[in-house]
Amino acid sequence: MSIGPVQLLVIGFDQPEFHGKIRAELERLKQSDIVRLIDLLFVRKHADGRIERMHVSELSDEERGELGALVGALIGLGAGGIDAAEEGAELGAAHAASDEHILSEDVWYVDDVLPLDSAAAVALIEHRWAIGLRDTIREAGGFNLGDAWIHPQDLVAIGLMAAEEAEQLATP
């Protein structure tokens, strides 16, 4: 199984009104093999305090087992070498077969921190588009030295800092 980079997203919604547009966009991205939704926990807290939860995953049982084995093997390899990788693969595959979601309510206490009349989504999204690029870079002898997401807010913050520095330099 080849897996692309996985991103953890935590998104909040004030006074949520959903009309299926987010689901439609995720479906479009899935059909184009751009992303795959590994797991999603959606929690909505209504104005009266009532909690609604939904879990979604695009993985088949076979894919869940393969992903669990791969993740378990990688964790085991890091923790104790080749022998631990084999043990980790077995444990990961067994956990994946247990029908427990990766983003379970036992781990993510989203409803405890949500204000009334709001919602949150916690999603693990695999970036499928990056698999070919990553493999091509590896074949060319390249390796990752670092990576980061740059958000529009980061660019605004950089601009604000630059303006503040320019103002300080201009002030005698």
C-alpha atoms as a PDB file:
ATOM      1  CA  MET A   1       0.000   0.000   0.000  1.00  0.00           C
ATOM      2  CA  SER A   2       1.343   3.385  -0.952  1.00  0.00           C
ATOM      3  CA  ILE A   3       0.177   6.208   1.261  1.00  0.00           C
ATOM      4  CA  GLY A   4       0.494   9.928   0.691  1.00  0.00           C
ATOM      5  CA  PRO A   5       1.100  12.579   3.328  1.00  0.00           C
ATOM      6  CA  VAL A   6      -1.679  12.653   5.913  1.00  0.00           C
ATOM      7  CA  GLN A   7      -2.942  15.954   7.273  1.00  0.00           C
ATOM      8  CA  LEU A   8      -4.891  16.401  10.494  1.00  0.00           C
ATOM      9  CA  LEU A   9      -7.480  19.152  10.161  1.00  0.00           C
ATOM     10  CA  VAL A  10      -9.521  20.559  13.036  1.00  0.00           C
ATOM     11  CA  ILE A  11     -12.178  22.954  11.780  1.00  0.00           C
ATOM     12  CA  GLY A  12     -14.755  24.918  13.752  1.00  0.00           C
ATOM     13  CA  PHE A  13     -18.111  26.224  12.557  1.00  0.00           C
ATOM     14  CA  ASP A  14     -20.089  29.014  14.251  1.00  0.00           C
ATOM     15  CA  GLN A  15     -23.860  28.621  13.842  1.00  0.00           C
ATOM     16  CA  PRO A  16     -23.433  25.811  11.307  1.00  0.00           C
ATOM     17  CA  GLU A  17     -25.763  25.561   8.345  1.00  0.00           C
ATOM     18  CA  PHE A  18     -24.658  22.725   6.087  1.00  0.00           C
ATOM     19  CA  HIS A  19     -26.080  22.249   2.632  1.00  0.00           C
ATOM     20  CA  GLY A  20     -23.884  19.398   1.362  1.00  0.00           C
ATOM     21  CA  LYS A  21     -21.290  21.594  -0.337  1.00  0.00           C
ATOM     22  CA  ILE A  22     -18.367  20.346   1.773  1.00  0.00           C
ATOM     23  CA  ARG A  23     -19.326  16.714   1.208  1.00  0.00           C
ATOM     24  CA  ALA A  24     -19.694  17.377  -2.543  1.00  0.00           C
ATOM     25  CA  GLU A  25     -16.229  18.963  -2.689  1.00  0.00           C
ATOM     26  CA  LEU A  26     -14.681  16.036  -0.801  1.00  0.00           C
ATOM     27  CA  GLU A  27     -16.383  13.656  -3.234  1.00  0.00           C
ATOM     28  CA  ARG A  28     -15.013  15.618  -6.211  1.00  0.00           C
ATOM     29  CA  LEU A  29     -11.503  15.455  -4.765  1.00  0.00           C
ATOM     30  CA  LYS A  30     -11.904  11.738  -4.076  1.00  0.00           C
ATOM     31  CA  GLN A  31     -13.091  11.036  -7.631  1.00  0.00           C
ATOM     32  CA  SER A  32     -10.019  12.844  -8.978  1.00  0.00           C
ATOM     33  CA  ASP A  33      -7.789  10.826  -6.589  1.00  0.00           C
ATOM     34  CA  ILE A  34      -6.493  14.084  -5.109  1.00  0.00           C
ATOM     35  CA  VAL A  35      -7.394  13.328  -1.483  1.00  0.00           C
ATOM     36  CA  ARG A  36      -8.842  10.471   0.498  1.00  0.00           C
ATOM     37  CA  LEU A  37     -10.753  10.882   3.727  1.00  0.00           C
ATOM     38  CA  ILE A  38      -9.151   8.415   6.126  1.00  0.00           C
ATOM     39  CA  ASP A  39     -11.339   9.310   9.077  1.00  0.00           C
ATOM     40  CA  LEU A  40     -13.670  12.125  10.089  1.00  0.00           C
ATOM     41  CA  LEU A  41     -15.310  12.909  13.395  1.00  0.00           C
ATOM     42  CA  PHE A  42     -17.994  15.560  13.140  1.00  0.00           C
ATOM     43  CA  VAL A  43     -19.584  16.941  16.308  1.00  0.00           C
ATOM     44  CA  ARG A  44     -22.426  19.441  16.454  1.00  0.00           C
ATOM     45  CA  LYS A  45     -23.686  21.043  19.658  1.00  0.00           C
ATOM     46  CA  HIS A  46     -27.188  22.442  19.199  1.00  0.00           C
ATOM     47  CA  ALA A  47     -28.452  25.578  20.932  1.00  0.00           C
ATOM     48  CA  ASP A  48     -30.235  23.382  23.520  1.00  0.00           C
ATOM     49  CA  GLY A  49     -26.985  21.504  24.335  1.00  0.00           C
ATOM     50  CA  ARG A  50     -27.934  18.346  22.451  1.00  0.00           C
ATOM     51  CA  ILE A  51     -24.887  16.656  20.833  1.00  0.00           C
ATOM     52  CA  GLU A  52     -24.869  15.072  17.396  1.00  0.00           C
ATOM     53  CA  ARG A  53     -21.864  12.991  16.219  1.00  0.00           C
ATOM     54  CA  MET A  54     -20.983  11.458  12.897  1.00  0.00           C
ATOM     55  CA  HIS A  55     -18.042   9.304  11.788  1.00  0.00           C
ATOM     56  CA  VAL A  56     -17.064   8.909   8.145  1.00  0.00           C
ATOM     57  CA  SER A  57     -14.234   6.999   6.480  1.00  0.00           C
ATOM     58  CA  GLU A  58     -13.561   6.214   2.839  1.00  0.00           C
ATOM     59  CA  LEU A  59     -11.413   3.201   3.640  1.00  0.00           C
ATOM     60  CA  SER A  60     -12.589  -0.308   2.848  1.00  0.00           C
ATOM     61  CA  ASP A  61     -11.975  -3.024   5.458  1.00  0.00           C
ATOM     62  CA  GLU A  62      -8.971  -4.202   3.433  1.00  0.00           C
ATOM     63  CA  GLU A  63      -7.544  -0.667   3.201  1.00  0.00           C
ATOM     64  CA  ARG A  64      -8.065  -0.144   6.933  1.00  0.00           C
ATOM     65  CA  GLY A  65      -6.097  -3.321   7.630  1.00  0.00           C
ATOM     66  CA  GLU A  66      -3.286  -2.318   5.265  1.00  0.00           C
ATOM     67  CA  LEU A  67      -3.107   1.201   6.660  1.00  0.00           C
ATOM     68  CA  GLY A  68      -3.157  -0.083  10.246  1.00  0.00           C
ATOM     69  CA  ALA A  69      -0.336  -2.516   9.482  1.00  0.00           C
ATOM     70  CA  LEU A  70       1.715   0.190   7.751  1.00  0.00           C
ATOM     71  CA  VAL A  71       1.283   2.743  10.537  1.00  0.00           C
ATOM     72  CA  GLY A  72       1.977   0.092  13.193  1.00  0.00           C
ATOM     73  CA  ALA A  73       5.115  -1.052  11.367  1.00  0.00           C
ATOM     74  CA  LEU A  74       6.448   2.502  11.056  1.00  0.00           C
ATOM     75  CA  ILE A  75       5.820   3.236  14.730  1.00  0.00           C
ATOM     76  CA  GLY A  76       7.411  -0.095  15.684  1.00  0.00           C
ATOM     77  CA  LEU A  77      10.430   0.560  13.463  1.00  0.00           C
ATOM     78  CA  GLY A  78      10.991   3.903  15.156  1.00  0.00           C
ATOM     79  CA  ALA A  79      10.509   2.450  18.610  1.00  0.00           C
ATOM     80  CA  GLY A  80      12.668  -0.656  18.319  1.00  0.00           C
ATOM     81  CA  GLY A  81      13.935  -1.586  14.882  1.00  0.00           C
ATOM     82  CA  ILE A  82      12.956  -4.384  12.502  1.00  0.00           C
ATOM     83  CA  ASP A  83      11.584  -6.802  15.118  1.00  0.00           C
ATOM     84  CA  ALA A  84       9.419  -4.093  16.633  1.00  0.00           C
ATOM     85  CA  ALA A  85       8.238  -3.119  13.127  1.00  0.00           C
ATOM     86  CA  GLU A  86       6.872  -6.632  12.552  1.00  0.00           C
ATOM     87  CA  GLU A  87       5.128  -6.631  15.928  1.00  0.00           C
ATOM     88  CA  GLY A  88       3.801  -3.116  15.266  1.00  0.00           C
ATOM     89  CA  ALA A  89       2.398  -4.202  11.891  1.00  0.00           C
ATOM     90  CA  GLU A  90       0.483  -7.047  13.545  1.00  0.00           C
ATOM     91  CA  LEU A  91      -0.867  -4.794  16.297  1.00  0.00           C
ATOM     92  CA  GLY A  92      -1.789  -2.078  13.797  1.00  0.00           C
ATOM     93  CA  ALA A  93      -3.662  -4.502  11.557  1.00  0.00           C
ATOM     94  CA  ALA A  94      -5.516  -5.965  14.560  1.00  0.00           C
ATOM     95  CA  HIS A  95      -6.515  -2.493  15.766  1.00  0.00           C
ATOM     96  CA  ALA A  96      -7.742  -1.534  12.294  1.00  0.00           C
ATOM     97  CA  ALA A  97      -9.907  -4.657  12.173  1.00  0.00           C
ATOM     98  CA  SER A  98     -11.557  -3.740  15.495  1.00  0.00           C
ATOM     99  CA  ASP A  99     -14.071  -1.331  13.890  1.00  0.00           C
ATOM    100  CA  GLU A 100     -12.826   1.440  16.192  1.00  0.00           C
ATOM    101  CA  HIS A 101     -12.399   4.724  14.386  1.00  0.00           C
ATOM    102  CA  ILE A 102      -9.004   6.407  14.436  1.00  0.00           C
ATOM    103  CA  LEU A 103     -10.665   9.616  15.593  1.00  0.00           C
ATOM    104  CA  SER A 104     -12.747   8.034  18.333  1.00  0.00           C
ATOM    105  CA  GLU A 105     -14.810   9.941  20.875  1.00  0.00           C
ATOM    106  CA  ASP A 106     -12.637   8.387  23.584  1.00  0.00           C
ATOM    107  CA  VAL A 107      -9.683  10.432  22.362  1.00  0.00           C
ATOM    108  CA  TRP A 108     -11.248  13.606  20.953  1.00  0.00           C
ATOM    109  CA  TYR A 109     -13.451  15.342  23.540  1.00  0.00           C
ATOM    110  CA  VAL A 110     -14.723  17.876  21.032  1.00  0.00           C
ATOM    111  CA  ASP A 111     -18.200  18.186  22.500  1.00  0.00           C
ATOM    112  CA  ASP A 112     -16.721  19.262  25.860  1.00  0.00           C
ATOM    113  CA  VAL A 113     -15.171  22.415  24.371  1.00  0.00           C
ATOM    114  CA  LEU A 114     -17.773  23.353  21.756  1.00  0.00           C
ATOM    115  CA  PRO A 115     -19.919  26.385  22.506  1.00  0.00           C
ATOM    116  CA  LEU A 116     -23.679  26.059  22.057  1.00  0.00           C
ATOM    117  CA  ASP A 117     -24.915  26.270  18.460  1.00  0.00           C
ATOM    118  CA  SER A 118     -21.566  25.383  16.886  1.00  0.00           C
ATOM    119  CA  ALA A 119     -19.821  22.418  15.321  1.00  0.00           C
ATOM    120  CA  ALA A 120     -16.367  21.013  14.707  1.00  0.00           C
ATOM    121  CA  ALA A 121     -14.837  18.517  12.336  1.00  0.00           C
ATOM    122  CA  VAL A 122     -11.647  16.571  13.001  1.00  0.00           C
ATOM    123  CA  ALA A 123     -10.401  14.920   9.824  1.00  0.00           C
ATOM    124  CA  LEU A 124      -7.462  12.836   8.677  1.00  0.00           C
ATOM    125  CA  ILE A 125      -7.002  13.527   4.975  1.00  0.00           C
ATOM    126  CA  GLU A 126      -4.496  11.691   2.799  1.00  0.00           C
ATOM    127  CA  HIS A 127      -2.996  13.798   0.027  1.00  0.00           C
ATOM    128  CA  ARG A 128      -2.992  11.255  -2.825  1.00  0.00           C
ATOM    129  CA  TRP A 129      -1.690  13.787  -5.352  1.00  0.00           C
ATOM    130  CA  ALA A 130       1.680  13.828  -3.586  1.00  0.00           C
ATOM    131  CA  ILE A 131       2.464  10.108  -3.918  1.00  0.00           C
ATOM    132  CA  GLY A 132       3.886  10.259  -7.455  1.00  0.00           C
ATOM    133  CA  LEU A 133       5.914  13.377  -6.728  1.00  0.00           C
ATOM    134  CA  ARG A 134       7.344  11.892  -3.524  1.00  0.00           C
ATOM    135  CA  ASP A 135       8.254   8.634  -5.281  1.00  0.00           C
ATOM    136  CA  THR A 136       9.902  10.488  -8.177  1.00  0.00           C
ATOM    137  CA  ILE A 137      11.945  12.605  -5.765  1.00  0.00           C
ATOM    138  CA  ARG A 138      13.072   9.433  -3.931  1.00  0.00           C
ATOM    139  CA  GLU A 139      14.039   7.737  -7.212  1.00  0.00           C
ATOM    140  CA  ALA A 140      16.191  10.790  -8.010  1.00  0.00           C
ATOM    141  CA  GLY A 141      17.967  10.405  -4.653  1.00  0.00           C
ATOM    142  CA  GLY A 142      16.110  13.236  -2.941  1.00  0.00           C
ATOM    143  CA  PHE A 143      14.946  13.230   0.652  1.00  0.00           C
ATOM    144  CA  ASN A 144      12.825  15.496   2.817  1.00  0.00           C
ATOM    145  CA  LEU A 145      14.687  18.125   4.802  1.00  0.00           C
ATOM    146  CA  GLY A 146      11.524  19.749   6.132  1.00  0.00           C
ATOM    147  CA  ASP A 147       8.081  20.913   5.179  1.00  0.00           C
ATOM    148  CA  ALA A 148       5.373  23.203   6.459  1.00  0.00           C
ATOM    149  CA  TRP A 149       2.032  24.613   5.412  1.00  0.00           C
ATOM    150  CA  ILE A 150       1.911  28.336   4.752  1.00  0.00           C
ATOM    151  CA  HIS A 151      -1.569  29.716   5.343  1.00  0.00           C
ATOM    152  CA  PRO A 152      -2.882  33.076   4.115  1.00  0.00           C
ATOM    153  CA  GLN A 153      -3.010  34.268   7.737  1.00  0.00           C
ATOM    154  CA  ASP A 154       0.730  33.556   7.985  1.00  0.00           C
ATOM    155  CA  LEU A 155       1.363  35.872   5.036  1.00  0.00           C
ATOM    156  CA  VAL A 156      -0.798  38.587   6.617  1.00  0.00           C
ATOM    157  CA  ALA A 157       1.175  38.215   9.859  1.00  0.00           C
ATOM    158  CA  ILE A 158       4.452  38.538   7.942  1.00  0.00           C
ATOM    159  CA  GLY A 159       3.136  41.708   6.287  1.00  0.00           C
ATOM    160  CA  LEU A 160       2.101  43.152   9.647  1.00  0.00           C
ATOM    161  CA  MET A 161       5.535  42.416  11.122  1.00  0.00           C
ATOM    162  CA  ALA A 162       7.260  43.983   8.096  1.00  0.00           C
ATOM    163  CA  ALA A 163       5.091  47.112   8.388  1.00  0.00           C
ATOM    164  CA  GLU A 164       5.847  47.368  12.111  1.00  0.00           C
ATOM    165  CA  GLU A 165       9.591  46.994  11.490  1.00  0.00           C
ATOM    166  CA  ALA A 166       9.492  49.620   8.709  1.00  0.00           C
ATOM    167  CA  GLU A 167       7.623  51.999  11.015  1.00  0.00           C
ATOM    168  CA  GLN A 168      10.205  51.487  13.783  1.00  0.00           C
ATOM    169  CA  LEU A 169      13.059  52.159  11.360  1.00  0.00           C
ATOM    170  CA  ALA A 170      11.352  55.316  10.067  1.00  0.00           C
ATOM    171  CA  THR A 171      10.812  56.695  13.567  1.00  0.00           C
ATOM    172  CA  PRO A 172      13.843  58.676  14.791  1.00  0.00           C
END
